[in-house]
């Protein structure tokens, strides 16, 4: 079940508040953002400008709605019986690390209630505050969008250095991580770089799963509604051959690769 902003019972605030998260929307009974059944919170704001962004309405750091952290915790508690052993709460985006200090408070409160925490991030930030948050994050879903920094710049507008550094930090902590890769024809399907991507992470002990997410055009209408030019309007979804090639390459390096 998906709740747009207007359906979330929370007062809109004009300023940031340490007791509130700035969010875009909330989903219950989510099954695509971490293990089990999850409550998924999509926060507002992102510094990446990915050409294939499916949610351009989440980019504005001043957009969204301010929702009290305690209200979100209470919502999670009410859904706790559905989470089972594997489920819990996932914070996605936008980019959650932009609100890292607030998420630290949120995740601590969730852990007090015995609720699993999951963070879906592009790894843009890597500092002491982020490291503290990761100590209270049961599972990191890290989107490593391209292994080549030049192409990463063209694809997202920013370097991949922090993302790779954050992956290395998470590995050093010994805590769980899933890696995600969006497969875009002409952009992220080069076999040379798929091999390099796999080689980069193949020895990581914390990587439990690698997810290949085929590009699609479902976000096109959002770009149009925002009067934004969609750079990949004419880019097709990857063919079965492209998907199987990526799956075959990654499967050489990882024991659990999932083609979404």
Protein backbone atom coordinates (compact mmCIF):
# COMPACT_ATOMS: atom_id res chain seq x y z
CA UNK A 1 0.00 0.00 0.00
CA UNK A 2 1.35 3.42 -1.00
CA UNK A 3 0.51 6.68 0.73
CA UNK A 4 1.20 9.98 -1.06
CA UNK A 5 2.09 12.98 1.05
CA UNK A 6 -1.41 14.30 1.43
CA UNK A 7 -2.53 11.09 3.09
CA UNK A 8 0.10 11.17 5.82
CA UNK A 9 -1.23 12.68 9.03
CA UNK A 10 1.51 15.15 9.80
CA UNK A 11 1.75 18.91 10.02
CA UNK A 12 3.70 20.65 7.30
CA UNK A 13 6.52 22.74 8.72
CA UNK A 14 8.47 25.50 7.02
CA UNK A 15 11.72 24.80 8.84
CA UNK A 16 13.80 21.74 9.61
CA UNK A 17 13.36 20.25 13.06
CA UNK A 18 15.56 17.59 14.70
CA UNK A 19 12.46 15.67 15.75
CA UNK A 20 11.03 15.49 12.23
CA UNK A 21 12.07 13.74 9.03
CA UNK A 22 11.52 15.42 5.69
CA UNK A 23 9.83 12.72 3.66
CA UNK A 24 8.29 12.31 0.23
CA UNK A 25 6.01 9.33 0.82
CA UNK A 26 5.52 6.13 2.75
CA UNK A 27 4.77 2.57 1.70
CA UNK A 28 3.49 -0.30 3.82
CA UNK A 29 3.88 -3.99 3.04
CA UNK A 30 6.88 -3.25 0.82
CA UNK A 31 8.74 -6.26 -0.57
CA UNK A 32 11.30 -4.68 -2.92
CA UNK A 33 13.53 -2.71 -0.54
CA UNK A 34 15.17 -5.21 1.74
CA UNK A 35 14.23 -8.61 3.15
CA UNK A 36 10.75 -9.61 4.28
CA UNK A 37 7.76 -7.30 4.59
CA UNK A 38 8.77 -3.72 5.29
CA UNK A 39 7.52 -0.24 5.94
CA UNK A 40 9.42 1.88 3.42
CA UNK A 41 9.95 5.60 4.00
CA UNK A 42 11.02 7.62 0.98
CA UNK A 43 12.80 10.71 2.23
CA UNK A 44 13.07 13.99 0.33
CA UNK A 45 16.24 15.46 -1.16
CA UNK A 46 19.12 14.11 -3.22
CA UNK A 47 22.42 15.50 -4.49
CA UNK A 48 22.76 13.03 -7.35
CA UNK A 49 21.16 13.93 -10.66
CA UNK A 50 20.90 10.50 -12.24
CA UNK A 51 19.86 10.55 -15.88
CA UNK A 52 17.49 7.65 -15.24
CA UNK A 53 16.03 8.91 -11.93
CA UNK A 54 12.60 7.35 -11.43
CA UNK A 55 11.56 9.83 -8.75
CA UNK A 56 12.69 13.33 -9.79
CA UNK A 57 10.04 14.72 -7.45
CA UNK A 58 12.24 13.62 -4.52
CA UNK A 59 15.28 15.68 -5.56
CA UNK A 60 14.39 19.06 -4.01
CA UNK A 61 15.90 19.19 -0.51
CA UNK A 62 13.26 21.72 0.57
CA UNK A 63 10.30 19.73 -0.74
CA UNK A 64 8.28 17.01 0.88
CA UNK A 65 6.61 16.99 4.27
CA UNK A 66 8.05 17.18 7.76
CA UNK A 67 6.78 14.20 9.75
CA UNK A 68 7.47 13.67 13.44
CA UNK A 69 9.90 10.82 14.09
CA UNK A 70 7.76 9.52 16.95
CA UNK A 71 4.80 9.26 14.56
CA UNK A 72 6.87 7.16 12.17
CA UNK A 73 8.02 4.93 15.04
CA UNK A 74 4.41 4.46 16.14
CA UNK A 75 3.42 3.51 12.60
CA UNK A 76 6.19 0.92 12.54
CA UNK A 77 5.09 -0.49 15.90
CA UNK A 78 1.53 -0.90 14.62
CA UNK A 79 2.88 -2.89 11.65
CA UNK A 80 5.42 -4.90 13.63
CA UNK A 81 3.38 -8.11 13.64
CA UNK A 82 3.57 -8.19 9.83
CA UNK A 83 7.35 -7.84 9.71
CA UNK A 84 8.10 -11.32 10.97
CA UNK A 85 11.72 -12.36 11.49
CA UNK A 86 13.15 -10.71 8.37
CA UNK A 87 11.07 -7.57 7.82
CA UNK A 88 11.25 -4.12 9.35
CA UNK A 89 11.70 -0.51 8.27
CA UNK A 90 13.63 0.67 5.23
CA UNK A 91 14.53 4.32 4.64
CA UNK A 92 15.03 5.07 0.96
CA UNK A 93 14.95 8.24 -1.08
CA UNK A 94 15.87 10.65 -2.31
CA UNK A 95 19.06 10.23 -0.33
CA UNK A 96 18.64 9.32 3.34
CA UNK A 97 22.18 10.31 4.39
CA UNK A 98 21.26 13.98 3.95
CA UNK A 99 19.22 13.51 7.15
CA UNK A 100 21.71 11.26 8.91
CA UNK A 101 21.45 12.80 12.40
CA UNK A 102 17.67 12.48 12.38
CA UNK A 103 17.86 8.92 11.09
CA UNK A 104 20.23 8.04 13.92
CA UNK A 105 17.53 9.00 16.40
CA UNK A 106 14.90 7.18 14.36
CA UNK A 107 16.90 3.95 14.08
CA UNK A 108 17.77 3.96 17.79
CA UNK A 109 14.07 4.22 18.64
CA UNK A 110 13.24 1.42 16.22
CA UNK A 111 15.87 -0.82 17.78
CA UNK A 112 14.41 -0.13 21.22
CA UNK A 113 11.21 -1.66 19.84
CA UNK A 114 13.05 -4.63 18.34
CA UNK A 115 12.44 -3.46 14.76
CA UNK A 116 14.98 -4.17 12.01
CA UNK A 117 16.50 -1.16 10.22
CA UNK A 118 17.58 -0.91 6.60
CA UNK A 119 19.15 2.01 4.73
CA UNK A 120 18.93 2.37 0.93
CA UNK A 121 21.63 4.85 -0.09
CA UNK A 122 23.80 6.00 -2.98
CA UNK A 123 26.70 6.48 -0.55
CA UNK A 124 27.18 10.15 -1.37
CA UNK A 125 28.31 10.98 2.16
CA UNK A 126 30.96 9.20 4.20
CA UNK A 127 31.86 10.81 7.52
CA UNK A 128 31.72 10.25 11.28
CA UNK A 129 27.99 10.99 11.49
CA UNK A 130 27.30 8.48 8.74
CA UNK A 131 29.47 5.89 10.47
CA UNK A 132 27.51 6.34 13.70
CA UNK A 133 24.25 5.87 11.81
CA UNK A 134 25.58 2.71 10.17
CA UNK A 135 26.27 1.24 13.61
CA UNK A 136 22.50 1.26 14.10
CA UNK A 137 21.71 0.06 10.57
CA UNK A 138 21.09 -3.68 10.33
CA UNK A 139 21.35 -3.77 6.54
CA UNK A 140 22.73 -1.32 3.98
CA UNK A 141 21.41 -1.38 0.42
CA UNK A 142 24.17 0.41 -1.48
CA UNK A 143 23.58 1.63 -5.03
CA UNK A 144 26.90 1.55 -6.87
CA UNK A 145 25.81 3.10 -10.12
CA UNK A 146 29.04 2.72 -12.10
CA UNK A 147 32.59 1.59 -11.37
CA UNK A 148 34.18 4.05 -13.83
CA UNK A 149 34.34 7.51 -12.30
CA UNK A 150 34.14 9.43 -15.59
CA UNK A 151 30.98 7.60 -16.63
CA UNK A 152 29.62 7.92 -13.09
CA UNK A 153 30.06 11.69 -13.37
CA UNK A 154 28.16 11.77 -16.66
CA UNK A 155 25.45 9.50 -15.27
CA UNK A 156 24.90 11.18 -11.89
CA UNK A 157 26.71 14.52 -11.98
CA UNK A 158 29.05 13.46 -9.16
CA UNK A 159 32.01 11.21 -8.39
CA UNK A 160 31.71 7.61 -7.21
CA UNK A 161 34.60 8.02 -4.74
CA UNK A 162 32.46 8.44 -1.62
CA UNK A 163 30.25 5.53 -2.64
CA UNK A 164 33.23 3.22 -3.02
CA UNK A 165 34.74 4.49 0.23
CA UNK A 166 31.48 3.89 2.06
CA UNK A 167 31.33 0.35 0.69
CA UNK A 168 34.84 -0.26 2.02
CA UNK A 169 33.91 1.19 5.41
CA UNK A 170 30.84 -1.02 5.67
CA UNK A 171 32.95 -4.03 4.76
CA UNK A 172 35.44 -3.13 7.49
CA UNK A 173 32.62 -2.99 10.04
CA UNK A 174 31.62 -6.58 9.29
CA UNK A 175 27.96 -5.59 9.03
CA UNK A 176 25.50 -6.76 6.36
CA UNK A 177 25.25 -5.14 2.93
CA UNK A 178 23.43 -5.68 -0.36
CA UNK A 179 24.76 -4.06 -3.54
CA UNK A 180 22.45 -2.73 -6.24
CA UNK A 181 23.14 -1.96 -9.88
CA UNK A 182 20.77 -0.34 -12.38
CA UNK A 183 21.29 -1.82 -15.85
CA UNK A 184 20.88 0.89 -18.50
CA UNK A 185 21.56 0.13 -22.19
CA UNK A 186 24.40 2.24 -23.51
CA UNK A 187 25.28 3.51 -20.04
CA UNK A 188 25.88 0.72 -17.56
CA UNK A 189 25.91 -2.43 -19.67
CA UNK A 190 29.55 -2.36 -20.83
CA UNK A 191 31.01 -5.81 -20.18
CA UNK A 192 34.45 -4.39 -19.32
CA UNK A 193 33.04 -2.31 -16.49
CA UNK A 194 30.67 -5.03 -15.29
CA UNK A 195 33.76 -7.18 -14.86
CA UNK A 196 35.56 -4.39 -12.99
CA UNK A 197 32.50 -3.84 -10.78
CA UNK A 198 32.45 -7.52 -9.87
CA UNK A 199 36.19 -7.66 -9.26
CA UNK A 200 35.98 -4.64 -6.96
CA UNK A 201 33.58 -6.32 -4.53
CA UNK A 202 34.12 -10.04 -5.02
CA UNK A 203 36.20 -10.46 -1.86
CA UNK A 204 33.78 -8.54 0.36
CA UNK A 205 32.53 -10.81 3.14
CA UNK A 206 29.58 -8.56 4.08
CA UNK A 207 27.90 -8.61 0.65
CA UNK A 208 25.01 -11.03 1.04
CA UNK A 209 23.26 -10.23 -2.21
CA UNK A 210 23.71 -8.32 -5.47
CA UNK A 211 20.61 -6.98 -7.21
CA UNK A 212 20.51 -6.13 -10.93
CA UNK A 213 17.69 -3.67 -11.60
CA UNK A 214 16.80 -3.32 -15.31
CA UNK A 215 16.11 0.22 -16.48
CA UNK A 216 12.52 1.07 -17.41
CA UNK A 217 10.52 4.11 -18.51
CA UNK A 218 7.99 4.15 -15.66
CA UNK A 219 9.36 7.42 -14.31
CA UNK A 220 9.00 9.33 -17.59
CA UNK A 221 5.63 10.85 -16.69
CA UNK A 222 7.10 12.40 -13.52
CA UNK A 223 9.74 14.24 -15.53
CA UNK A 224 7.02 15.48 -17.86
CA UNK A 225 4.80 16.62 -14.98
CA UNK A 226 7.72 18.60 -13.59
CA UNK A 227 8.41 20.12 -17.04
CA UNK A 228 11.86 18.53 -16.99
CA UNK A 229 13.60 17.16 -20.06
CA UNK A 230 14.15 13.42 -19.63
CA UNK A 231 17.60 12.59 -21.07
CA UNK A 232 16.84 8.88 -21.55
CA UNK A 233 13.43 9.26 -23.15
CA UNK A 234 14.51 7.19 -26.15
CA UNK A 235 16.50 4.60 -24.20
CA UNK A 236 14.91 1.13 -24.27
CA UNK A 237 14.78 -1.33 -21.42
CA UNK A 238 17.65 -3.81 -21.57
CA UNK A 239 17.10 -6.79 -23.83
CA UNK A 240 17.05 -10.30 -22.45
CA UNK A 241 20.54 -10.78 -23.88
CA UNK A 242 21.89 -7.73 -22.03
CA UNK A 243 20.26 -8.85 -18.77
CA UNK A 244 21.61 -12.37 -19.04
CA UNK A 245 25.10 -11.10 -19.87
CA UNK A 246 25.13 -8.92 -16.76
CA UNK A 247 23.76 -11.77 -14.67
CA UNK A 248 26.41 -14.14 -16.00
CA UNK A 249 29.26 -11.72 -15.30
CA UNK A 250 28.17 -10.85 -11.77
CA UNK A 251 27.51 -14.52 -10.99
CA UNK A 252 31.21 -15.20 -11.55
CA UNK A 253 32.01 -12.95 -8.59
CA UNK A 254 29.06 -13.33 -6.22
CA UNK A 255 27.11 -16.31 -4.91
CA UNK A 256 23.74 -14.58 -4.67
CA UNK A 257 22.85 -12.43 -7.68
CA UNK A 258 19.21 -11.50 -8.26
CA UNK A 259 17.88 -10.14 -11.54
CA UNK A 260 14.90 -8.04 -10.53
